[in-house]
Amino acid sequence: MKILGCTIPKIGANNSSLGFFLVITVMVSSLCGCALYPLQPMPATDYRLSPEEALGTIDLRDKRKLFMKAVAQVVVNTEEGRYPVKLAIIASKPESLRLEAIPIIGLPNFFLSIHDRTMKVYLPQNGEYYVGPATINNLKSFFPIQLAVPDLVALLMGCRPTVPSEQTILKGSSEGKSYRVDILSRENHLLQSLWIDPANLYLTRLDGFGKDGDKLLTVYFDEYFQDNDASMPSRVRFQMPGRDERTITLRYDGATFAPLTNETERIFDLPVPEGVRTIILK
């Protein structure tokens, strides 16, 4: 199976090859050692709040998430098997992303960066460097989630993808123990459904829909913690229906947020290594 641009064995397979384990460099030291502080219980919130108030609270919190550094245990579950990878993730909204894998053993094998709508991928073991536009099709060739880059960045940071507010209708309702907000287009097509914990107004689930109304994915957000006045789920779980149905779970070992500066913005660049073959993506 192709995960992060490489063919890797599933757990339990009798395969001694360790070439699929991917890599991180000196950045790991700056990503580790961050302290997590559990969230304190908050007073229960009235279910009768408006959907505008609920989304306003979520979006205000998300504005504090400017630049994220994190280490995550990632597990991809498919019909073929279960595939684990440990990733270093650096992200900044709206659409900057860098992924590097942390190997158990072996040499670096995977680097991916997206910045200024350009995607770059370096596979050292293969001696290949890819560069091209950061489209959905190009991204899914190396990362097992088929999403537009801004949506993927937002969800990895525990945020909801942006929907233009001037083109939407909001509907709020109670559903079980959650407050549900449906975001519809002016043509009454469902764009997003959000489930919010009324006790603290944290987003716990998001359903995303395509233009034809088909569900594209469901994302669950669990076990929130606090860092620098920004709330962040410790676990983000993607479920994608369809012919290639799969579940991808990220459990963050640590995530920190900081302002984005010119210095940190350079992290999203991935220069061409000397002597490596460059492959152009369309």
Protein backbone atom coordinates (compact mmCIF):
# COMPACT_ATOMS: atom_id res chain seq x y z
CA MET A 1 0.00 0.00 0.00
CA LYS A 2 1.16 3.54 -0.77
CA ILE A 3 1.43 5.64 2.40
CA LEU A 4 3.40 8.90 2.33
CA GLY A 5 4.68 8.12 -1.12
CA CYS A 6 6.11 4.72 -0.21
CA THR A 7 4.94 1.12 -0.35
CA ILE A 8 4.89 -0.18 3.23
CA PRO A 9 3.83 -3.46 4.85
CA LYS A 10 0.84 -3.71 7.14
CA ILE A 11 1.17 -4.69 10.81
CA GLY A 12 1.39 -8.41 11.23
CA ALA A 13 2.85 -9.02 7.76
CA ASN A 14 5.98 -11.18 7.65
CA ASN A 15 8.15 -8.58 6.09
CA SER A 16 11.50 -7.59 7.58
CA SER A 17 11.99 -4.61 5.34
CA LEU A 18 12.39 -1.42 7.29
CA GLY A 19 12.73 0.81 4.25
CA PHE A 20 9.25 2.23 4.70
CA PHE A 21 10.08 3.92 7.98
CA LEU A 22 10.31 7.61 7.39
CA VAL A 23 12.31 10.39 8.88
CA ILE A 24 12.76 13.59 10.74
CA THR A 25 15.85 15.70 11.11
CA VAL A 26 17.02 18.28 13.63
CA MET A 27 13.52 19.70 13.82
CA VAL A 28 12.50 16.88 16.17
CA SER A 29 14.31 18.40 19.12
CA SER A 30 12.34 21.61 18.78
CA LEU A 31 9.06 19.71 18.55
CA CYS A 32 9.49 17.49 21.60
CA GLY A 33 9.33 18.35 25.26
CA CYS A 34 6.22 20.51 25.11
CA ALA A 35 3.99 20.30 28.16
CA LEU A 36 0.32 19.57 27.79
CA TYR A 37 -2.16 21.05 30.25
CA PRO A 38 -5.55 19.33 30.57
CA LEU A 39 -8.54 21.59 30.18
CA GLN A 40 -10.43 22.55 33.30
CA PRO A 41 -14.17 21.79 33.46
CA MET A 42 -16.33 24.70 32.39
CA PRO A 43 -19.88 25.61 33.40
CA ALA A 44 -22.59 24.10 31.23
CA THR A 45 -23.74 26.30 28.36
CA ASP A 46 -27.38 26.86 27.47
CA TYR A 47 -28.46 24.74 24.49
CA ARG A 48 -30.47 27.67 23.23
CA LEU A 49 -27.47 29.60 21.91
CA SER A 50 -27.67 30.66 18.27
CA PRO A 51 -25.57 28.93 15.57
CA GLU A 52 -23.88 32.29 14.93
CA GLU A 53 -22.78 32.45 18.58
CA ALA A 54 -21.49 28.87 18.52
CA LEU A 55 -19.48 29.33 15.32
CA GLY A 56 -18.26 32.73 16.49
CA THR A 57 -16.74 31.16 19.60
CA ILE A 58 -15.07 28.35 17.63
CA ASP A 59 -13.68 30.70 14.99
CA LEU A 60 -12.37 33.15 17.60
CA ARG A 61 -10.39 30.34 19.24
CA ASP A 62 -9.09 29.17 15.87
CA LYS A 63 -7.68 32.64 15.10
CA ARG A 64 -5.13 32.06 17.88
CA LYS A 65 -3.69 29.08 16.01
CA LEU A 66 -1.21 30.82 13.74
CA PHE A 67 1.74 28.44 13.56
CA MET A 68 1.63 24.86 14.86
CA LYS A 69 4.46 22.43 15.59
CA ALA A 70 3.49 18.90 16.57
CA VAL A 71 4.49 15.25 16.69
CA ALA A 72 1.74 12.76 15.94
CA GLN A 73 1.31 9.00 15.97
CA VAL A 74 -0.61 8.29 12.75
CA VAL A 75 -2.48 5.07 11.99
CA VAL A 76 -4.09 4.43 8.61
CA ASN A 77 -6.76 1.70 8.62
CA THR A 78 -7.96 0.26 5.32
CA GLU A 79 -9.47 -3.01 4.15
CA GLU A 80 -5.92 -4.14 3.40
CA GLY A 81 -4.58 -3.62 6.91
CA ARG A 82 -3.34 -1.23 9.56
CA TYR A 83 -0.37 1.02 8.83
CA PRO A 84 1.39 3.11 11.52
CA VAL A 85 3.66 6.11 10.90
CA LYS A 86 5.06 8.74 13.25
CA LEU A 87 5.05 12.25 11.80
CA ALA A 88 6.39 15.66 12.62
CA ILE A 89 3.84 18.23 11.46
CA ILE A 90 4.35 21.95 10.97
CA ALA A 91 1.32 23.89 9.77
CA SER A 92 0.17 27.45 9.27
CA LYS A 93 -3.15 28.64 7.91
CA PRO A 94 -4.33 29.11 5.28
CA GLU A 95 -2.25 26.57 3.32
CA SER A 96 1.32 26.04 4.52
CA LEU A 97 2.31 22.54 5.61
CA ARG A 98 5.42 20.48 6.23
CA LEU A 99 5.43 16.77 7.04
CA GLU A 100 8.45 14.69 7.98
CA ALA A 101 8.37 11.12 9.19
CA ILE A 102 10.18 9.97 12.31
CA PRO A 103 11.80 6.59 11.65
CA ILE A 104 12.13 3.74 14.09
CA ILE A 105 15.30 2.77 12.26
CA GLY A 106 16.93 3.56 8.96
CA LEU A 107 17.64 6.62 6.88
CA PRO A 108 15.36 9.57 6.13
CA ASN A 109 12.80 8.57 3.54
CA PHE A 110 10.06 11.20 3.27
CA PHE A 111 9.75 15.01 3.35
CA LEU A 112 6.77 17.01 2.10
CA SER A 113 6.28 20.78 2.06
CA ILE A 114 3.50 23.00 0.76
CA HIS A 115 3.87 26.76 0.57
CA ASP A 116 2.72 29.45 -1.86
CA ARG A 117 0.52 26.79 -3.53
CA THR A 118 3.58 24.75 -4.49
CA MET A 119 4.17 21.21 -3.26
CA LYS A 120 7.63 19.68 -2.90
CA VAL A 121 8.34 16.08 -1.94
CA TYR A 122 11.74 14.52 -1.32
CA LEU A 123 12.20 10.73 -1.19
CA PRO A 124 15.88 10.26 -0.26
CA GLN A 125 15.86 6.48 -0.53
CA ASN A 126 14.64 6.72 -4.13
CA GLY A 127 16.79 9.74 -4.97
CA GLU A 128 13.67 11.58 -6.18
CA TYR A 129 12.49 15.15 -5.67
CA TYR A 130 9.01 16.16 -6.86
CA VAL A 131 7.74 19.70 -7.39
CA GLY A 132 4.44 21.00 -8.74
CA PRO A 133 1.15 22.70 -7.89
CA ALA A 134 -0.43 21.77 -4.55
CA THR A 135 -3.56 20.22 -6.05
CA ILE A 136 -5.79 17.58 -4.49
CA ASN A 137 -4.58 14.97 -6.99
CA ASN A 138 -0.90 15.70 -6.40
CA LEU A 139 -1.31 15.65 -2.63
CA LYS A 140 -3.19 12.35 -2.54
CA SER A 141 -0.30 10.69 -4.40
CA PHE A 142 1.84 11.13 -1.29
CA PHE A 143 -0.58 11.54 1.62
CA PRO A 144 -3.63 9.30 2.20
CA ILE A 145 -6.23 12.08 2.54
CA GLN A 146 -8.02 13.48 -0.50
CA LEU A 147 -8.66 17.10 0.48
CA ALA A 148 -7.85 20.59 -0.69
CA VAL A 149 -4.73 21.85 1.09
CA PRO A 150 -6.45 24.66 3.08
CA ASP A 151 -9.05 22.19 4.38
CA LEU A 152 -6.40 19.65 5.36
CA VAL A 153 -4.29 22.28 7.15
CA ALA A 154 -7.31 23.54 9.10
CA LEU A 155 -8.38 20.06 10.19
CA LEU A 156 -4.85 19.01 11.22
CA MET A 157 -4.79 22.11 13.44
CA GLY A 158 -8.14 21.19 15.01
CA CYS A 159 -10.02 23.91 13.11
CA ARG A 160 -12.98 23.82 10.77
CA PRO A 161 -12.40 24.57 7.07
CA THR A 162 -13.56 27.99 5.97
CA VAL A 163 -16.92 28.40 4.25
CA PRO A 164 -17.71 31.87 2.80
CA SER A 165 -20.28 33.27 5.25
CA GLU A 166 -22.02 35.51 2.71
CA GLN A 167 -23.09 32.43 0.75
CA THR A 168 -24.44 30.34 3.61
CA ILE A 169 -27.45 29.73 5.84
CA LEU A 170 -26.97 28.49 9.42
CA LYS A 171 -29.33 26.16 11.26
CA GLY A 172 -28.88 25.12 14.89
CA SER A 173 -30.47 22.22 16.77
CA SER A 174 -29.93 19.90 19.73
CA GLU A 175 -28.84 16.35 18.89
CA GLY A 176 -28.29 14.03 21.83
CA LYS A 177 -25.77 15.68 24.14
CA SER A 178 -24.45 17.92 21.36
CA TYR A 179 -25.42 21.20 19.76
CA ARG A 180 -25.50 20.74 15.99
CA VAL A 181 -24.91 23.49 13.44
CA ASP A 182 -25.68 22.87 9.77
CA ILE A 183 -24.12 25.21 7.20
CA LEU A 184 -26.09 25.30 3.94
CA SER A 185 -25.64 27.12 0.66
CA ARG A 186 -28.23 29.61 -0.59
CA GLU A 187 -29.47 26.78 -2.82
CA ASN A 188 -30.09 24.75 0.39
CA HIS A 189 -27.24 22.30 -0.25
CA LEU A 190 -25.51 21.03 2.89
CA LEU A 191 -21.86 22.18 3.07
CA GLN A 192 -20.84 21.35 6.64
CA SER A 193 -22.42 19.85 9.73
CA LEU A 194 -20.76 20.56 13.07
CA TRP A 195 -21.31 18.90 16.46
CA ILE A 196 -20.36 21.08 19.41
CA ASP A 197 -20.06 20.22 23.10
CA PRO A 198 -22.43 22.71 24.79
CA ALA A 199 -20.47 22.48 28.07
CA ASN A 200 -17.44 24.25 26.63
CA LEU A 201 -18.25 24.96 22.95
CA TYR A 202 -15.50 22.70 21.62
CA LEU A 203 -15.93 21.15 18.20
CA THR A 204 -16.26 17.36 18.52
CA ARG A 205 -17.28 16.30 15.00
CA LEU A 206 -17.42 17.73 11.48
CA ASP A 207 -19.05 16.34 8.33
CA GLY A 208 -17.92 17.83 5.03
CA PHE A 209 -19.97 17.62 1.83
CA GLY A 210 -19.25 18.09 -1.87
CA LYS A 211 -21.10 20.30 -4.31
CA ASP A 212 -23.49 17.48 -5.14
CA GLY A 213 -24.32 16.92 -1.47
CA ASP A 214 -22.32 13.69 -1.14
CA LYS A 215 -20.49 13.30 2.16
CA LEU A 216 -16.75 13.65 1.62
CA LEU A 217 -15.55 12.90 5.12
CA THR A 218 -16.29 12.86 8.84
CA VAL A 219 -13.72 14.16 11.32
CA TYR A 220 -13.82 13.60 15.09
CA PHE A 221 -11.96 15.81 17.59
CA ASP A 222 -11.27 14.42 21.08
CA GLU A 223 -9.32 15.02 24.29
CA TYR A 224 -8.71 18.75 24.14
CA PHE A 225 -5.78 20.45 25.85
CA GLN A 226 -4.57 24.03 26.08
CA ASP A 227 -1.38 25.64 24.75
CA ASN A 228 -0.70 29.40 24.70
CA ASP A 229 -4.42 30.25 24.96
CA ALA A 230 -5.21 27.94 22.05
CA SER A 231 -7.34 24.81 22.55
CA MET A 232 -6.28 21.74 20.57
CA PRO A 233 -7.64 18.18 20.34
CA SER A 234 -5.12 15.47 21.26
CA ARG A 235 -6.79 13.12 18.78
CA VAL A 236 -8.11 13.86 15.28
CA ARG A 237 -9.78 11.00 13.42
CA PHE A 238 -10.67 11.13 9.71
CA GLN A 239 -13.26 8.78 8.19
CA MET A 240 -13.56 8.84 4.40
CA PRO A 241 -16.34 6.85 2.74
CA GLY A 242 -16.36 5.55 -0.81
CA ARG A 243 -14.58 2.94 -2.86
CA ASP A 244 -11.28 3.46 -0.98
CA GLU A 245 -12.86 3.79 2.44
CA ARG A 246 -10.28 4.40 5.15
CA THR A 247 -9.85 5.78 8.65
CA ILE A 248 -6.83 7.88 9.61
CA THR A 249 -6.19 8.66 13.27
CA LEU A 250 -3.66 11.20 14.49
CA ARG A 251 -2.79 11.21 18.18
CA TYR A 252 -0.64 14.20 19.04
CA ASP A 253 2.23 13.62 21.47
CA GLY A 254 2.55 17.39 21.67
CA ALA A 255 1.39 20.47 19.81
CA THR A 256 2.47 24.05 20.39
CA PHE A 257 1.30 27.31 18.84
CA ALA A 258 3.28 30.48 18.21
CA PRO A 259 3.16 33.58 15.96
CA LEU A 260 4.35 33.07 12.39
CA THR A 261 7.51 35.05 11.61
CA ASN A 262 9.76 35.39 8.56
CA GLU A 263 12.16 32.96 10.21
CA THR A 264 9.57 30.28 10.90
CA GLU A 265 8.04 30.74 7.44
CA ARG A 266 11.30 29.52 5.88
CA ILE A 267 10.66 26.11 7.43
CA PHE A 268 8.02 25.46 4.78
CA ASP A 269 10.59 25.57 1.98
CA LEU A 270 12.20 22.33 0.82
CA PRO A 271 15.26 23.04 -1.35
CA VAL A 272 16.36 20.62 -4.06
CA PRO A 273 19.17 18.43 -2.69
CA GLU A 274 22.34 18.46 -4.77
CA GLY A 275 22.54 15.69 -7.34
CA VAL A 276 18.93 14.53 -6.92
CA ARG A 277 16.68 13.98 -9.91
CA THR A 278 13.78 16.46 -10.12
CA ILE A 279 10.37 15.25 -11.30
CA ILE A 280 7.79 17.86 -12.32
CA LEU A 281 4.21 17.30 -11.18
CA LYS A 282 1.41 18.64 -13.40
